[in-house]
Amino acid sequence: GIGGQILELLRHRGLLERFEAACPGPAPAPRFPFGGIHLDLTALA
């Protein structure tokens, strides 16, 4: 996958929807591995 601030840059370029449409499935819940634990961002709007 691809994540981080580059997605906001692609939004500014008008390309984000094109990249989203190419994904084989929906974006997962925002829960990311971090050194054997997790950053669980699911409660953040």
ModelCIF file with pLDDT and N, C-alpha, C, O atoms, coordinates in Angstrom:
data_MODEL
#
_entry.id   MODEL 
#
_entity.id                         1 
_entity.type                       polymer 
_entity.pdbx_number_of_molecules   1 
#
_entity_poly.entity_id                      1 
_entity_poly.type                           'polypeptide(L)' 
_entity_poly.nstd_linkage                   no 
_entity_poly.nstd_monomer                   no 
_entity_poly.pdbx_seq_one_letter_code       GIGGQILELLRHRGLLERFEAACPGPAPAPRFPFGGIHLDLTALA 
_entity_poly.pdbx_seq_one_letter_code_can   GIGGQILELLRHRGLLERFEAACPGPAPAPRFPFGGIHLDLTALA 
_entity_poly.pdbx_strand_id                 A 
#
loop_
_entity_poly_seq.entity_id 
_entity_poly_seq.num 
_entity_poly_seq.mon_id 
_entity_poly_seq.hetero 
1 1  GLY n 
1 2  ILE n 
1 3  GLY n 
1 4  GLY n 
1 5  GLN n 
1 6  ILE n 
1 7  LEU n 
1 8  GLU n 
1 9  LEU n 
1 10 LEU n 
1 11 ARG n 
1 12 HIS n 
1 13 ARG n 
1 14 GLY n 
1 15 LEU n 
1 16 LEU n 
1 17 GLU n 
1 18 ARG n 
1 19 PHE n 
1 20 GLU n 
1 21 ALA n 
1 22 ALA n 
1 23 CYS n 
1 24 PRO n 
1 25 GLY n 
1 26 PRO n 
1 27 ALA n 
1 28 PRO n 
1 29 ALA n 
1 30 PRO n 
1 31 ARG n 
1 32 PHE n 
1 33 PRO n 
1 34 PHE n 
1 35 GLY n 
1 36 GLY n 
1 37 ILE n 
1 38 HIS n 
1 39 LEU n 
1 40 ASP n 
1 41 LEU n 
1 42 THR n 
1 43 ALA n 
1 44 LEU n 
1 45 ALA n 
#
_struct_asym.id          A 
_struct_asym.entity_id   1 
#
loop_
_ma_qa_metric.id 
_ma_qa_metric.mode 
_ma_qa_metric.name 
_ma_qa_metric.software_group_id 
_ma_qa_metric.type 
1 global pLDDT . pLDDT 
2 local  pLDDT . pLDDT 
#
_ma_qa_metric_global.metric_id      1 
_ma_qa_metric_global.metric_value   91.31 
_ma_qa_metric_global.model_id       1 
_ma_qa_metric_global.ordinal_id     1 
#
loop_
_ma_qa_metric_local.label_asym_id 
_ma_qa_metric_local.label_comp_id 
_ma_qa_metric_local.label_seq_id 
_ma_qa_metric_local.metric_id 
_ma_qa_metric_local.metric_value 
_ma_qa_metric_local.model_id 
_ma_qa_metric_local.ordinal_id 
A GLY 1  2 88.00 1 1  
A ILE 2  2 94.00 1 2  
A GLY 3  2 94.00 1 3  
A GLY 4  2 95.00 1 4  
A GLN 5  2 96.00 1 5  
A ILE 6  2 97.00 1 6  
A LEU 7  2 96.00 1 7  
A GLU 8  2 95.00 1 8  
A LEU 9  2 97.00 1 9  
A LEU 10 2 96.00 1 10 
A ARG 11 2 95.00 1 11 
A HIS 12 2 95.00 1 12 
A ARG 13 2 96.00 1 13 
A GLY 14 2 95.00 1 14 
A LEU 15 2 96.00 1 15 
A LEU 16 2 95.00 1 16 
A GLU 17 2 94.00 1 17 
A ARG 18 2 95.00 1 18 
A PHE 19 2 96.00 1 19 
A GLU 20 2 95.00 1 20 
A ALA 21 2 94.00 1 21 
A ALA 22 2 94.00 1 22 
A CYS 23 2 92.00 1 23 
A PRO 24 2 87.00 1 24 
A GLY 25 2 80.00 1 25 
A PRO 26 2 80.00 1 26 
A ALA 27 2 78.00 1 27 
A PRO 28 2 75.00 1 28 
A ALA 29 2 81.00 1 29 
A PRO 30 2 88.00 1 30 
A ARG 31 2 87.00 1 31 
A PHE 32 2 90.00 1 32 
A PRO 33 2 88.00 1 33 
A PHE 34 2 92.00 1 34 
A GLY 35 2 90.00 1 35 
A GLY 36 2 84.00 1 36 
A ILE 37 2 88.00 1 37 
A HIS 38 2 89.00 1 38 
A LEU 39 2 94.00 1 39 
A ASP 40 2 94.00 1 40 
A LEU 41 2 95.00 1 41 
A THR 42 2 92.00 1 42 
A ALA 43 2 92.00 1 43 
A LEU 44 2 94.00 1 44 
A ALA 45 2 91.00 1 45 
#
loop_
_atom_site.group_PDB 
_atom_site.id 
_atom_site.type_symbol 
_atom_site.label_atom_id 
_atom_site.label_alt_id 
_atom_site.label_comp_id 
_atom_site.label_asym_id 
_atom_site.label_entity_id 
_atom_site.label_seq_id 
_atom_site.pdbx_PDB_ins_code 
_atom_site.Cartn_x 
_atom_site.Cartn_y 
_atom_site.Cartn_z 
_atom_site.occupancy 
_atom_site.B_iso_or_equiv 
_atom_site.pdbx_formal_charge 
_atom_site.auth_seq_id 
_atom_site.auth_comp_id 
_atom_site.auth_asym_id 
_atom_site.auth_atom_id 
_atom_site.pdbx_PDB_model_num 
ATOM 1   N N  . GLY A 1 1  ? 0.831   -1.200 0.000  1.00 88.00 ? 1  GLY A N  1 
ATOM 2   C CA . GLY A 1 1  ? 0.000   0.000  0.000  1.00 88.00 ? 1  GLY A CA 1 
ATOM 3   C C  . GLY A 1 1  ? 0.860   1.242  0.000  1.00 88.00 ? 1  GLY A C  1 
ATOM 4   O O  . GLY A 1 1  ? 2.089   1.174  0.034  1.00 88.00 ? 1  GLY A O  1 
ATOM 5   N N  . ILE A 1 2  ? 0.190   2.377  -0.039 1.00 94.00 ? 2  ILE A N  1 
ATOM 6   C CA . ILE A 1 2  ? 0.853   3.671  -0.020 1.00 94.00 ? 2  ILE A CA 1 
ATOM 7   C C  . ILE A 1 2  ? 0.151   4.540  1.018  1.00 94.00 ? 2  ILE A C  1 
ATOM 8   O O  . ILE A 1 2  ? -1.079  4.585  1.062  1.00 94.00 ? 2  ILE A O  1 
ATOM 9   N N  . GLY A 1 3  ? 0.917   5.222  1.842  1.00 94.00 ? 3  GLY A N  1 
ATOM 10  C CA . GLY A 1 3  ? 0.302   6.025  2.890  1.00 94.00 ? 3  GLY A CA 1 
ATOM 11  C C  . GLY A 1 3  ? 1.176   7.192  3.280  1.00 94.00 ? 3  GLY A C  1 
ATOM 12  O O  . GLY A 1 3  ? 2.324   7.306  2.849  1.00 94.00 ? 3  GLY A O  1 
ATOM 13  N N  . GLY A 1 4  ? 0.617   8.054  4.100  1.00 95.00 ? 4  GLY A N  1 
ATOM 14  C CA . GLY A 1 4  ? 1.356   9.210  4.572  1.00 95.00 ? 4  GLY A CA 1 
ATOM 15  C C  . GLY A 1 4  ? 1.035   10.470 3.795  1.00 95.00 ? 4  GLY A C  1 
ATOM 16  O O  . GLY A 1 4  ? 0.024   10.552 3.097  1.00 95.00 ? 4  GLY A O  1 
ATOM 17  N N  . GLN A 1 5  ? 1.911   11.445 3.931  1.00 96.00 ? 5  GLN A N  1 
ATOM 18  C CA . GLN A 1 5  ? 1.647   12.781 3.400  1.00 96.00 ? 5  GLN A CA 1 
ATOM 19  C C  . GLN A 1 5  ? 1.603   12.820 1.882  1.00 96.00 ? 5  GLN A C  1 
ATOM 20  O O  . GLN A 1 5  ? 1.046   13.762 1.317  1.00 96.00 ? 5  GLN A O  1 
ATOM 21  N N  . ILE A 1 6  ? 2.169   11.830 1.204  1.00 97.00 ? 6  ILE A N  1 
ATOM 22  C CA . ILE A 1 6  ? 2.129   11.825 -0.252 1.00 97.00 ? 6  ILE A CA 1 
ATOM 23  C C  . ILE A 1 6  ? 0.691   11.763 -0.754 1.00 97.00 ? 6  ILE A C  1 
ATOM 24  O O  . ILE A 1 6  ? 0.409   12.231 -1.857 1.00 97.00 ? 6  ILE A O  1 
ATOM 25  N N  . LEU A 1 7  ? -0.218  11.201 0.024  1.00 96.00 ? 7  LEU A N  1 
ATOM 26  C CA . LEU A 1 7  ? -1.618  11.163 -0.392 1.00 96.00 ? 7  LEU A CA 1 
ATOM 27  C C  . LEU A 1 7  ? -2.203  12.568 -0.454 1.00 96.00 ? 7  LEU A C  1 
ATOM 28  O O  . LEU A 1 7  ? -2.995  12.867 -1.348 1.00 96.00 ? 7  LEU A O  1 
ATOM 29  N N  . GLU A 1 8  ? -1.825  13.432 0.481  1.00 95.00 ? 8  GLU A N  1 
ATOM 30  C CA . GLU A 1 8  ? -2.305  14.818 0.439  1.00 95.00 ? 8  GLU A CA 1 
ATOM 31  C C  . GLU A 1 8  ? -1.687  15.564 -0.741 1.00 95.00 ? 8  GLU A C  1 
ATOM 32  O O  . GLU A 1 8  ? -2.338  16.417 -1.344 1.00 95.00 ? 8  GLU A O  1 
ATOM 33  N N  . LEU A 1 9  ? -0.449  15.251 -1.068 1.00 97.00 ? 9  LEU A N  1 
ATOM 34  C CA . LEU A 1 9  ? 0.167   15.867 -2.246 1.00 97.00 ? 9  LEU A CA 1 
ATOM 35  C C  . LEU A 1 9  ? -0.571  15.443 -3.508 1.00 97.00 ? 9  LEU A C  1 
ATOM 36  O O  . LEU A 1 9  ? -0.827  16.270 -4.383 1.00 97.00 ? 9  LEU A O  1 
ATOM 37  N N  . LEU A 1 10 ? -0.916  14.161 -3.609 1.00 96.00 ? 10 LEU A N  1 
ATOM 38  C CA . LEU A 1 10 ? -1.678  13.684 -4.765 1.00 96.00 ? 10 LEU A CA 1 
ATOM 39  C C  . LEU A 1 10 ? -3.042  14.358 -4.830 1.00 96.00 ? 10 LEU A C  1 
ATOM 40  O O  . LEU A 1 10 ? -3.557  14.604 -5.921 1.00 96.00 ? 10 LEU A O  1 
ATOM 41  N N  . ARG A 1 11 ? -3.631  14.660 -3.681 1.00 95.00 ? 11 ARG A N  1 
ATOM 42  C CA . ARG A 1 11 ? -4.890  15.399 -3.670 1.00 95.00 ? 11 ARG A CA 1 
ATOM 43  C C  . ARG A 1 11 ? -4.695  16.795 -4.271 1.00 95.00 ? 11 ARG A C  1 
ATOM 44  O O  . ARG A 1 11 ? -5.517  17.248 -5.067 1.00 95.00 ? 11 ARG A O  1 
ATOM 45  N N  . HIS A 1 12 ? -3.617  17.469 -3.893 1.00 95.00 ? 12 HIS A N  1 
ATOM 46  C CA . HIS A 1 12 ? -3.332  18.796 -4.451 1.00 95.00 ? 12 HIS A CA 1 
ATOM 47  C C  . HIS A 1 12 ? -3.074  18.723 -5.958 1.00 95.00 ? 12 HIS A C  1 
ATOM 48  O O  . HIS A 1 12 ? -3.363  19.677 -6.680 1.00 95.00 ? 12 HIS A O  1 
ATOM 49  N N  . ARG A 1 13 ? -2.534  17.604 -6.436 1.00 96.00 ? 13 ARG A N  1 
ATOM 50  C CA . ARG A 1 13 ? -2.296  17.449 -7.871 1.00 96.00 ? 13 ARG A CA 1 
ATOM 51  C C  . ARG A 1 13 ? -3.564  17.033 -8.627 1.00 96.00 ? 13 ARG A C  1 
ATOM 52  O O  . ARG A 1 13 ? -3.563  16.981 -9.857 1.00 96.00 ? 13 ARG A O  1 
ATOM 53  N N  . GLY A 1 14 ? -4.632  16.741 -7.903 1.00 95.00 ? 14 GLY A N  1 
ATOM 54  C CA . GLY A 1 14 ? -5.847  16.275 -8.553 1.00 95.00 ? 14 GLY A CA 1 
ATOM 55  C C  . GLY A 1 14 ? -5.787  14.833 -8.995 1.00 95.00 ? 14 GLY A C  1 
ATOM 56  O O  . GLY A 1 14 ? -6.531  14.435 -9.891 1.00 95.00 ? 14 GLY A O  1 
ATOM 57  N N  . LEU A 1 15 ? -4.907  14.026 -8.381 1.00 96.00 ? 15 LEU A N  1 
ATOM 58  C CA . LEU A 1 15 ? -4.689  12.641 -8.800 1.00 96.00 ? 15 LEU A CA 1 
ATOM 59  C C  . LEU A 1 15 ? -5.197  11.619 -7.790 1.00 96.00 ? 15 LEU A C  1 
ATOM 60  O O  . LEU A 1 15 ? -5.210  10.424 -8.084 1.00 96.00 ? 15 LEU A O  1 
ATOM 61  N N  . LEU A 1 16 ? -5.612  12.058 -6.616 1.00 95.00 ? 16 LEU A N  1 
ATOM 62  C CA . LEU A 1 16 ? -5.918  11.096 -5.570 1.00 95.00 ? 16 LEU A CA 1 
ATOM 63  C C  . LEU A 1 16 ? -7.073  10.177 -5.963 1.00 95.00 ? 16 LEU A C  1 
ATOM 64  O O  . LEU A 1 16 ? -7.017  8.974  -5.708 1.00 95.00 ? 16 LEU A O  1 
ATOM 65  N N  . GLU A 1 17 ? -8.102  10.719 -6.572 1.00 94.00 ? 17 GLU A N  1 
ATOM 66  C CA . GLU A 1 17 ? -9.241  9.865  -6.956 1.00 94.00 ? 17 GLU A CA 1 
ATOM 67  C C  . GLU A 1 17 ? -8.808  8.789  -7.944 1.00 94.00 ? 17 GLU A C  1 
ATOM 68  O O  . GLU A 1 17 ? -9.299  7.661  -7.890 1.00 94.00 ? 17 GLU A O  1 
ATOM 69  N N  . ARG A 1 18 ? -7.898  9.129  -8.840 1.00 95.00 ? 18 ARG A N  1 
ATOM 70  C CA . ARG A 1 18 ? -7.391  8.150  -9.804 1.00 95.00 ? 18 ARG A CA 1 
ATOM 71  C C  . ARG A 1 18 ? -6.685  7.008  -9.085 1.00 95.00 ? 18 ARG A C  1 
ATOM 72  O O  . ARG A 1 18 ? -6.852  5.846  -9.455 1.00 95.00 ? 18 ARG A O  1 
ATOM 73  N N  . PHE A 1 19 ? -5.912  7.323  -8.078 1.00 96.00 ? 19 PHE A N  1 
ATOM 74  C CA . PHE A 1 19 ? -5.191  6.293  -7.332 1.00 96.00 ? 19 PHE A CA 1 
ATOM 75  C C  . PHE A 1 19 ? -6.157  5.483  -6.461 1.00 96.00 ? 19 PHE A C  1 
ATOM 76  O O  . PHE A 1 19 ? -6.006  4.269  -6.323 1.00 96.00 ? 19 PHE A O  1 
ATOM 77  N N  . GLU A 1 20 ? -7.139  6.156  -5.880 1.00 95.00 ? 20 GLU A N  1 
ATOM 78  C CA . GLU A 1 20 ? -8.126  5.436  -5.081 1.00 95.00 ? 20 GLU A CA 1 
ATOM 79  C C  . GLU A 1 20 ? -8.906  4.442  -5.937 1.00 95.00 ? 20 GLU A C  1 
ATOM 80  O O  . GLU A 1 20 ? -9.175  3.320  -5.508 1.00 95.00 ? 20 GLU A O  1 
ATOM 81  N N  . ALA A 1 21 ? -9.267  4.863  -7.156 1.00 94.00 ? 21 ALA A N  1 
ATOM 82  C CA . ALA A 1 21 ? -10.051 3.993  -8.038 1.00 94.00 ? 21 ALA A CA 1 
ATOM 83  C C  . ALA A 1 21 ? -9.279  2.754  -8.454 1.00 94.00 ? 21 ALA A C  1 
ATOM 84  O O  . ALA A 1 21 ? -9.884  1.743  -8.811 1.00 94.00 ? 21 ALA A O  1 
ATOM 85  N N  . ALA A 1 22 ? -7.944  2.812  -8.414 1.00 94.00 ? 22 ALA A N  1 
ATOM 86  C CA . ALA A 1 22 ? -7.116  1.672  -8.827 1.00 94.00 ? 22 ALA A CA 1 
ATOM 87  C C  . ALA A 1 22 ? -6.907  0.659  -7.713 1.00 94.00 ? 22 ALA A C  1 
ATOM 88  O O  . ALA A 1 22 ? -6.346  -0.410 -7.955 1.00 94.00 ? 22 ALA A O  1 
ATOM 89  N N  . CYS A 1 23 ? -7.347  0.973  -6.492 1.00 92.00 ? 23 CYS A N  1 
ATOM 90  C CA . CYS A 1 23 ? -7.156  0.043  -5.375 1.00 92.00 ? 23 CYS A CA 1 
ATOM 91  C C  . CYS A 1 23 ? -8.046  -1.182 -5.552 1.00 92.00 ? 23 CYS A C  1 
ATOM 92  O O  . CYS A 1 23 ? -9.191  -1.049 -5.984 1.00 92.00 ? 23 CYS A O  1 
ATOM 93  N N  . PRO A 1 24 ? -7.547  -2.357 -5.232 1.00 87.00 ? 24 PRO A N  1 
ATOM 94  C CA . PRO A 1 24 ? -8.348  -3.573 -5.404 1.00 87.00 ? 24 PRO A CA 1 
ATOM 95  C C  . PRO A 1 24 ? -9.475  -3.707 -4.391 1.00 87.00 ? 24 PRO A C  1 
ATOM 96  O O  . PRO A 1 24 ? -10.345 -4.563 -4.549 1.00 87.00 ? 24 PRO A O  1 
ATOM 97  N N  . GLY A 1 25 ? -9.476  -2.881 -3.363 1.00 80.00 ? 25 GLY A N  1 
ATOM 98  C CA . GLY A 1 25 ? -10.520 -2.948 -2.347 1.00 80.00 ? 25 GLY A CA 1 
ATOM 99  C C  . GLY A 1 25 ? -10.619 -1.629 -1.615 1.00 80.00 ? 25 GLY A C  1 
ATOM 100 O O  . GLY A 1 25 ? -9.849  -0.711 -1.896 1.00 80.00 ? 25 GLY A O  1 
ATOM 101 N N  . PRO A 1 26 ? -11.550 -1.511 -0.682 1.00 80.00 ? 26 PRO A N  1 
ATOM 102 C CA . PRO A 1 26 ? -11.702 -0.260 0.072  1.00 80.00 ? 26 PRO A CA 1 
ATOM 103 C C  . PRO A 1 26 ? -10.521 -0.017 1.000  1.00 80.00 ? 26 PRO A C  1 
ATOM 104 O O  . PRO A 1 26 ? -9.808  -0.945 1.380  1.00 80.00 ? 26 PRO A O  1 
ATOM 105 N N  . ALA A 1 27 ? -10.331 1.238  1.355  1.00 78.00 ? 27 ALA A N  1 
ATOM 106 C CA . ALA A 1 27 ? -9.254  1.575  2.280  1.00 78.00 ? 27 ALA A CA 1 
ATOM 107 C C  . ALA A 1 27 ? -9.503  0.911  3.622  1.00 78.00 ? 27 ALA A C  1 
ATOM 108 O O  . ALA A 1 27 ? -10.628 0.927  4.120  1.00 78.00 ? 27 ALA A O  1 
ATOM 109 N N  . PRO A 1 28 ? -8.473  0.330  4.214  1.00 75.00 ? 28 PRO A N  1 
ATOM 110 C CA . PRO A 1 28 ? -8.659  -0.343 5.508  1.00 75.00 ? 28 PRO A CA 1 
ATOM 111 C C  . PRO A 1 28 ? -8.884  0.671  6.620  1.00 75.00 ? 28 PRO A C  1 
ATOM 112 O O  . PRO A 1 28 ? -8.651  1.867  6.444  1.00 75.00 ? 28 PRO A O  1 
ATOM 113 N N  . ALA A 1 29 ? -9.331  0.186  7.748  1.00 81.00 ? 29 ALA A N  1 
ATOM 114 C CA . ALA A 1 29 ? -9.439  1.044  8.927  1.00 81.00 ? 29 ALA A CA 1 
ATOM 115 C C  . ALA A 1 29 ? -8.056  1.583  9.267  1.00 81.00 ? 29 ALA A C  1 
ATOM 116 O O  . ALA A 1 29 ? -7.060  0.876  9.116  1.00 81.00 ? 29 ALA A O  1 
ATOM 117 N N  . PRO A 1 30 ? -7.988  2.831  9.726  1.00 88.00 ? 30 PRO A N  1 
ATOM 118 C CA . PRO A 1 30 ? -6.671  3.423  10.021 1.00 88.00 ? 30 PRO A CA 1 
ATOM 119 C C  . PRO A 1 30 ? -6.051  2.844  11.281 1.00 88.00 ? 30 PRO A C  1 
ATOM 120 O O  . PRO A 1 30 ? -6.105  3.445  12.354 1.00 88.00 ? 30 PRO A O  1 
ATOM 121 N N  . ARG A 1 31 ? -5.467  1.676  11.132 1.00 87.00 ? 31 ARG A N  1 
ATOM 122 C CA . ARG A 1 31 ? -4.779  0.984  12.231 1.00 87.00 ? 31 ARG A CA 1 
ATOM 123 C C  . ARG A 1 31 ? -3.458  0.469  11.685 1.00 87.00 ? 31 ARG A C  1 
ATOM 124 O O  . ARG A 1 31 ? -3.444  -0.380 10.794 1.00 87.00 ? 31 ARG A O  1 
ATOM 125 N N  . PHE A 1 32 ? -2.345  0.976  12.213 1.00 90.00 ? 32 PHE A N  1 
ATOM 126 C CA . PHE A 1 32 ? -1.046  0.762  11.595 1.00 90.00 ? 32 PHE A CA 1 
ATOM 127 C C  . PHE A 1 32 ? -0.074  0.121  12.582 1.00 90.00 ? 32 PHE A C  1 
ATOM 128 O O  . PHE A 1 32 ? -0.065  0.474  13.761 1.00 90.00 ? 32 PHE A O  1 
ATOM 129 N N  . PRO A 1 33 ? 0.759   -0.835 12.098 1.00 88.00 ? 33 PRO A N  1 
ATOM 130 C CA . PRO A 1 33 ? 1.774   -1.423 12.974 1.00 88.00 ? 33 PRO A CA 1 
ATOM 131 C C  . PRO A 1 33 ? 2.844   -0.399 13.334 1.00 88.00 ? 33 PRO A C  1 
ATOM 132 O O  . PRO A 1 33 ? 3.216   0.451  12.525 1.00 88.00 ? 33 PRO A O  1 
ATOM 133 N N  . PHE A 1 34 ? 3.322   -0.501 14.554 1.00 92.00 ? 34 PHE A N  1 
ATOM 134 C CA . PHE A 1 34 ? 4.358   0.417  15.036 1.00 92.00 ? 34 PHE A CA 1 
ATOM 135 C C  . PHE A 1 34 ? 5.212   -0.325 16.051 1.00 92.00 ? 34 PHE A C  1 
ATOM 136 O O  . PHE A 1 34 ? 4.901   -0.358 17.242 1.00 92.00 ? 34 PHE A O  1 
ATOM 137 N N  . GLY A 1 35 ? 6.306   -0.925 15.557 1.00 90.00 ? 35 GLY A N  1 
ATOM 138 C CA . GLY A 1 35 ? 7.269   -1.550 16.455 1.00 90.00 ? 35 GLY A CA 1 
ATOM 139 C C  . GLY A 1 35 ? 6.711   -2.666 17.307 1.00 90.00 ? 35 GLY A C  1 
ATOM 140 O O  . GLY A 1 35 ? 7.067   -2.782 18.480 1.00 90.00 ? 35 GLY A O  1 
ATOM 141 N N  . GLY A 1 36 ? 5.837   -3.497 16.742 1.00 84.00 ? 36 GLY A N  1 
ATOM 142 C CA . GLY A 1 36 ? 5.278   -4.600 17.500 1.00 84.00 ? 36 GLY A CA 1 
ATOM 143 C C  . GLY A 1 36 ? 4.004   -4.259 18.244 1.00 84.00 ? 36 GLY A C  1 
ATOM 144 O O  . GLY A 1 36 ? 3.393   -5.135 18.856 1.00 84.00 ? 36 GLY A O  1 
ATOM 145 N N  . ILE A 1 37 ? 3.587   -2.980 18.200 1.00 88.00 ? 37 ILE A N  1 
ATOM 146 C CA . ILE A 1 37 ? 2.285   -2.572 18.736 1.00 88.00 ? 37 ILE A CA 1 
ATOM 147 C C  . ILE A 1 37 ? 1.524   -1.899 17.596 1.00 88.00 ? 37 ILE A C  1 
ATOM 148 O O  . ILE A 1 37 ? 1.877   -2.087 16.432 1.00 88.00 ? 37 ILE A O  1 
ATOM 149 N N  . HIS A 1 38 ? 0.494   -1.123 17.904 1.00 89.00 ? 38 HIS A N  1 
ATOM 150 C CA . HIS A 1 38 ? -0.300  -0.524 16.844 1.00 89.00 ? 38 HIS A CA 1 
ATOM 151 C C  . HIS A 1 38 ? -0.641  0.932  17.153 1.00 89.00 ? 38 HIS A C  1 
ATOM 152 O O  . HIS A 1 38 ? -0.805  1.326  18.308 1.00 89.00 ? 38 HIS A O  1 
ATOM 153 N N  . LEU A 1 39 ? -0.742  1.715  16.076 1.00 94.00 ? 39 LEU A N  1 
ATOM 154 C CA . LEU A 1 39 ? -1.355  3.034  16.140 1.00 94.00 ? 39 LEU A CA 1 
ATOM 155 C C  . LEU A 1 39 ? -2.799  2.855  15.680 1.00 94.00 ? 39 LEU A C  1 
ATOM 156 O O  . LEU A 1 39 ? -3.060  2.687  14.489 1.00 94.00 ? 39 LEU A O  1 
ATOM 157 N N  . ASP A 1 40 ? -3.721  2.893  16.613 1.00 94.00 ? 40 ASP A N  1 
ATOM 158 C CA . ASP A 1 40 ? -5.134  2.684  16.290 1.00 94.00 ? 40 ASP A CA 1 
ATOM 159 C C  . ASP A 1 40 ? -5.807  4.054  16.209 1.00 94.00 ? 40 ASP A C  1 
ATOM 160 O O  . ASP A 1 40 ? -6.084  4.686  17.229 1.00 94.00 ? 40 ASP A O  1 
ATOM 161 N N  . LEU A 1 41 ? -6.064  4.503  14.973 1.00 95.00 ? 41 LEU A N  1 
ATOM 162 C CA . LEU A 1 41 ? -6.630  5.834  14.730 1.00 95.00 ? 41 LEU A CA 1 
ATOM 163 C C  . LEU A 1 41 ? -8.114  5.769  14.413 1.00 95.00 ? 41 LEU A C  1 
ATOM 164 O O  . LEU A 1 41 ? -8.692  6.758  13.961 1.00 95.00 ? 41 LEU A O  1 
ATOM 165 N N  . THR A 1 42 ? -8.739  4.625  14.644 1.00 92.00 ? 42 THR A N  1 
ATOM 166 C CA . THR A 1 42 ? -10.123 4.446  14.217 1.00 92.00 ? 42 THR A CA 1 
ATOM 167 C C  . THR A 1 42 ? -11.085 5.382  14.933 1.00 92.00 ? 42 THR A C  1 
ATOM 168 O O  . THR A 1 42 ? -12.156 5.676  14.403 1.00 92.00 ? 42 THR A O  1 
ATOM 169 N N  . ALA A 1 43 ? -10.733 5.857  16.121 1.00 92.00 ? 43 ALA A N  1 
ATOM 170 C CA . ALA A 1 43 ? -11.635 6.741  16.864 1.00 92.00 ? 43 ALA A CA 1 
ATOM 171 C C  . ALA A 1 43 ? -11.492 8.206  16.453 1.00 92.00 ? 43 ALA A C  1 
ATOM 172 O O  . ALA A 1 43 ? -12.260 9.049  16.916 1.00 92.00 ? 43 ALA A O  1 
ATOM 173 N N  . LEU A 1 44 ? -10.525 8.521  15.594 1.00 94.00 ? 44 LEU A N  1 
ATOM 174 C CA . LEU A 1 44 ? -10.295 9.915  15.191 1.00 94.00 ? 44 LEU A CA 1 
ATOM 175 C C  . LEU A 1 44 ? -11.073 10.222 13.918 1.00 94.00 ? 44 LEU A C  1 
ATOM 176 O O  . LEU A 1 44 ? -11.007 9.474  12.943 1.00 94.00 ? 44 LEU A O  1 
ATOM 177 N N  . ALA A 1 45 ? -11.808 11.328 13.937 1.00 91.00 ? 45 ALA A N  1 
ATOM 178 C CA . ALA A 1 45 ? -12.567 11.728 12.749 1.00 91.00 ? 45 ALA A CA 1 
ATOM 179 C C  . ALA A 1 45 ? -11.647 12.200 11.632 1.00 91.00 ? 45 ALA A C  1 
ATOM 180 O O  . ALA A 1 45 ? -12.120 12.573 10.559 1.00 91.00 ? 45 ALA A O  1 
#
